[in-house]
């Protein structure tokens, strides 16, 4: 019986292993890498951030007057006058 390990044969065994299972090793490496990346991205997106100090929006009086001056939805609008029949969108009127 041979009980000694030849270091030259270890390289041969590793080479045979990768030659036979290189596709499986590649797929497992890619799947594992994508799983880790997805997990890390999920952890980053779901992490709570410290609430910022409350932002106070202030408007000057001119801006408030302009907002109040916009037309209200209660004002009546005239009905649209649509042409009868089919309309060719490529011909100007």
C-alpha atoms as a PDB file:
ATOM      1  CA  UNK A   1       0.000   0.000   0.000  1.00  0.00           C
ATOM      2  CA  UNK A   2       1.043   3.507  -0.724  1.00  0.00           C
ATOM      3  CA  UNK A   3       0.524   5.760   2.256  1.00  0.00           C
ATOM      4  CA  UNK A   4       2.566   8.719   1.032  1.00  0.00           C
ATOM      5  CA  UNK A   5       0.948  11.553  -0.871  1.00  0.00           C
ATOM      6  CA  UNK A   6       2.690  12.703  -3.998  1.00  0.00           C
ATOM      7  CA  UNK A   7       2.457  16.479  -4.396  1.00  0.00           C
ATOM      8  CA  UNK A   8       2.601  16.140  -8.171  1.00  0.00           C
ATOM      9  CA  UNK A   9      -0.574  14.092  -8.202  1.00  0.00           C
ATOM     10  CA  UNK A  10      -2.531  16.654  -6.169  1.00  0.00           C
ATOM     11  CA  UNK A  11      -2.273  19.085  -9.071  1.00  0.00           C
ATOM     12  CA  UNK A  12      -3.469  16.366 -11.424  1.00  0.00           C
ATOM     13  CA  UNK A  13      -6.476  15.603  -9.196  1.00  0.00           C
ATOM     14  CA  UNK A  14      -7.414  19.270  -8.901  1.00  0.00           C
ATOM     15  CA  UNK A  15      -7.029  19.693 -12.644  1.00  0.00           C
ATOM     16  CA  UNK A  16      -9.282  16.708 -13.336  1.00  0.00           C
ATOM     17  CA  UNK A  17     -11.867  17.958 -10.843  1.00  0.00           C
ATOM     18  CA  UNK A  18     -12.093  21.410 -12.468  1.00  0.00           C
ATOM     19  CA  UNK A  19     -12.056  19.914 -15.957  1.00  0.00           C
ATOM     20  CA  UNK A  20     -15.025  17.745 -15.088  1.00  0.00           C
ATOM     21  CA  UNK A  21     -17.056  20.181 -12.945  1.00  0.00           C
ATOM     22  CA  UNK A  22     -16.046  23.620 -14.271  1.00  0.00           C
ATOM     23  CA  UNK A  23     -19.590  24.509 -15.424  1.00  0.00           C
ATOM     24  CA  UNK A  24     -21.124  23.602 -12.063  1.00  0.00           C
ATOM     25  CA  UNK A  25     -18.469  25.547 -10.169  1.00  0.00           C
ATOM     26  CA  UNK A  26     -19.021  28.559 -12.444  1.00  0.00           C
ATOM     27  CA  UNK A  27     -22.808  28.501 -12.055  1.00  0.00           C
ATOM     28  CA  UNK A  28     -22.603  28.121  -8.275  1.00  0.00           C
ATOM     29  CA  UNK A  29     -20.109  30.986  -8.058  1.00  0.00           C
ATOM     30  CA  UNK A  30     -22.321  33.302 -10.138  1.00  0.00           C
ATOM     31  CA  UNK A  31     -25.505  32.322  -8.267  1.00  0.00           C
ATOM     32  CA  UNK A  32     -23.819  32.826  -4.911  1.00  0.00           C
ATOM     33  CA  UNK A  33     -22.402  36.186  -5.939  1.00  0.00           C
ATOM     34  CA  UNK A  34     -25.798  37.403  -7.176  1.00  0.00           C
ATOM     35  CA  UNK A  35     -27.446  36.205  -3.970  1.00  0.00           C
ATOM     36  CA  UNK A  36     -24.942  38.073  -1.824  1.00  0.00           C
ATOM     37  CA  UNK A  37     -25.294  41.222  -3.950  1.00  0.00           C
ATOM     38  CA  UNK A  38     -29.096  41.062  -3.737  1.00  0.00           C
ATOM     39  CA  UNK A  39     -28.982  40.568   0.021  1.00  0.00           C
ATOM     40  CA  UNK A  40     -26.604  43.496   0.492  1.00  0.00           C
ATOM     41  CA  UNK A  41     -28.717  45.740  -1.736  1.00  0.00           C
ATOM     42  CA  UNK A  42     -31.843  44.756   0.199  1.00  0.00           C
ATOM     43  CA  UNK A  43     -30.143  45.547   3.494  1.00  0.00           C
ATOM     44  CA  UNK A  44     -29.023  48.923   2.175  1.00  0.00           C
ATOM     45  CA  UNK A  45     -32.465  49.874   0.899  1.00  0.00           C
ATOM     46  CA  UNK A  46     -34.355  48.700   3.974  1.00  0.00           C
ATOM     47  CA  UNK A  47     -32.078  50.343   6.519  1.00  0.00           C
ATOM     48  CA  UNK A  48     -33.806  53.107   8.425  1.00  0.00           C
ATOM     49  CA  UNK A  49     -32.193  56.477   8.330  1.00  0.00           C
ATOM     50  CA  UNK A  50     -32.253  58.960  11.146  1.00  0.00           C
ATOM     51  CA  UNK A  51     -35.069  61.442  10.663  1.00  0.00           C
ATOM     52  CA  UNK A  52     -33.862  64.818   9.559  1.00  0.00           C
ATOM     53  CA  UNK A  53     -34.885  67.893  11.390  1.00  0.00           C
ATOM     54  CA  UNK A  54     -38.295  69.061  10.316  1.00  0.00           C
ATOM     55  CA  UNK A  55     -38.046  71.253   7.285  1.00  0.00           C
ATOM     56  CA  UNK A  56     -40.120  74.362   7.388  1.00  0.00           C
ATOM     57  CA  UNK A  57     -41.241  75.682   4.063  1.00  0.00           C
ATOM     58  CA  UNK A  58     -41.828  79.382   4.073  1.00  0.00           C
ATOM     59  CA  UNK A  59     -43.397  81.397   1.289  1.00  0.00           C
ATOM     60  CA  UNK A  60     -43.133  85.066   0.855  1.00  0.00           C
ATOM     61  CA  UNK A  61     -46.285  87.127   0.556  1.00  0.00           C
ATOM     62  CA  UNK A  62     -45.953  87.611  -3.200  1.00  0.00           C
ATOM     63  CA  UNK A  63     -45.968  83.861  -3.762  1.00  0.00           C
ATOM     64  CA  UNK A  64     -48.996  83.397  -1.506  1.00  0.00           C
ATOM     65  CA  UNK A  65     -50.910  86.092  -3.393  1.00  0.00           C
ATOM     66  CA  UNK A  66     -50.080  84.462  -6.728  1.00  0.00           C
ATOM     67  CA  UNK A  67     -51.272  81.071  -5.446  1.00  0.00           C
ATOM     68  CA  UNK A  68     -54.512  82.560  -4.177  1.00  0.00           C
ATOM     69  CA  UNK A  69     -54.976  84.349  -7.508  1.00  0.00           C
ATOM     70  CA  UNK A  70     -55.041  81.119  -9.486  1.00  0.00           C
ATOM     71  CA  UNK A  71     -58.405  80.168 -10.908  1.00  0.00           C
ATOM     72  CA  UNK A  72     -60.641  78.171  -8.622  1.00  0.00           C
ATOM     73  CA  UNK A  73     -62.207  74.887  -9.665  1.00  0.00           C
ATOM     74  CA  UNK A  74     -65.633  76.312  -8.892  1.00  0.00           C
ATOM     75  CA  UNK A  75     -65.493  78.735 -11.814  1.00  0.00           C
ATOM     76  CA  UNK A  76     -67.486  77.671 -14.830  1.00  0.00           C
ATOM     77  CA  UNK A  77     -65.651  76.733 -17.982  1.00  0.00           C
ATOM     78  CA  UNK A  78     -67.127  76.847 -21.435  1.00  0.00           C
ATOM     79  CA  UNK A  79     -67.715  73.446 -23.022  1.00  0.00           C
ATOM     80  CA  UNK A  80     -65.304  72.200 -25.652  1.00  0.00           C
ATOM     81  CA  UNK A  81     -66.443  72.538 -29.249  1.00  0.00           C
ATOM     82  CA  UNK A  82     -65.391  69.286 -30.914  1.00  0.00           C
ATOM     83  CA  UNK A  83     -65.809  68.796 -34.666  1.00  0.00           C
ATOM     84  CA  UNK A  84     -68.316  66.214 -35.803  1.00  0.00           C
ATOM     85  CA  UNK A  85     -67.200  62.936 -37.420  1.00  0.00           C
ATOM     86  CA  UNK A  86     -63.692  61.622 -37.841  1.00  0.00           C
ATOM     87  CA  UNK A  87     -60.833  64.072 -37.790  1.00  0.00           C
ATOM     88  CA  UNK A  88     -57.592  63.569 -39.695  1.00  0.00           C
ATOM     89  CA  UNK A  89     -54.794  64.463 -37.257  1.00  0.00           C
ATOM     90  CA  UNK A  90     -52.332  64.990 -40.105  1.00  0.00           C
ATOM     91  CA  UNK A  91     -54.267  67.771 -41.799  1.00  0.00           C
ATOM     92  CA  UNK A  92     -54.122  71.204 -40.243  1.00  0.00           C
ATOM     93  CA  UNK A  93     -57.335  73.112 -39.773  1.00  0.00           C
END
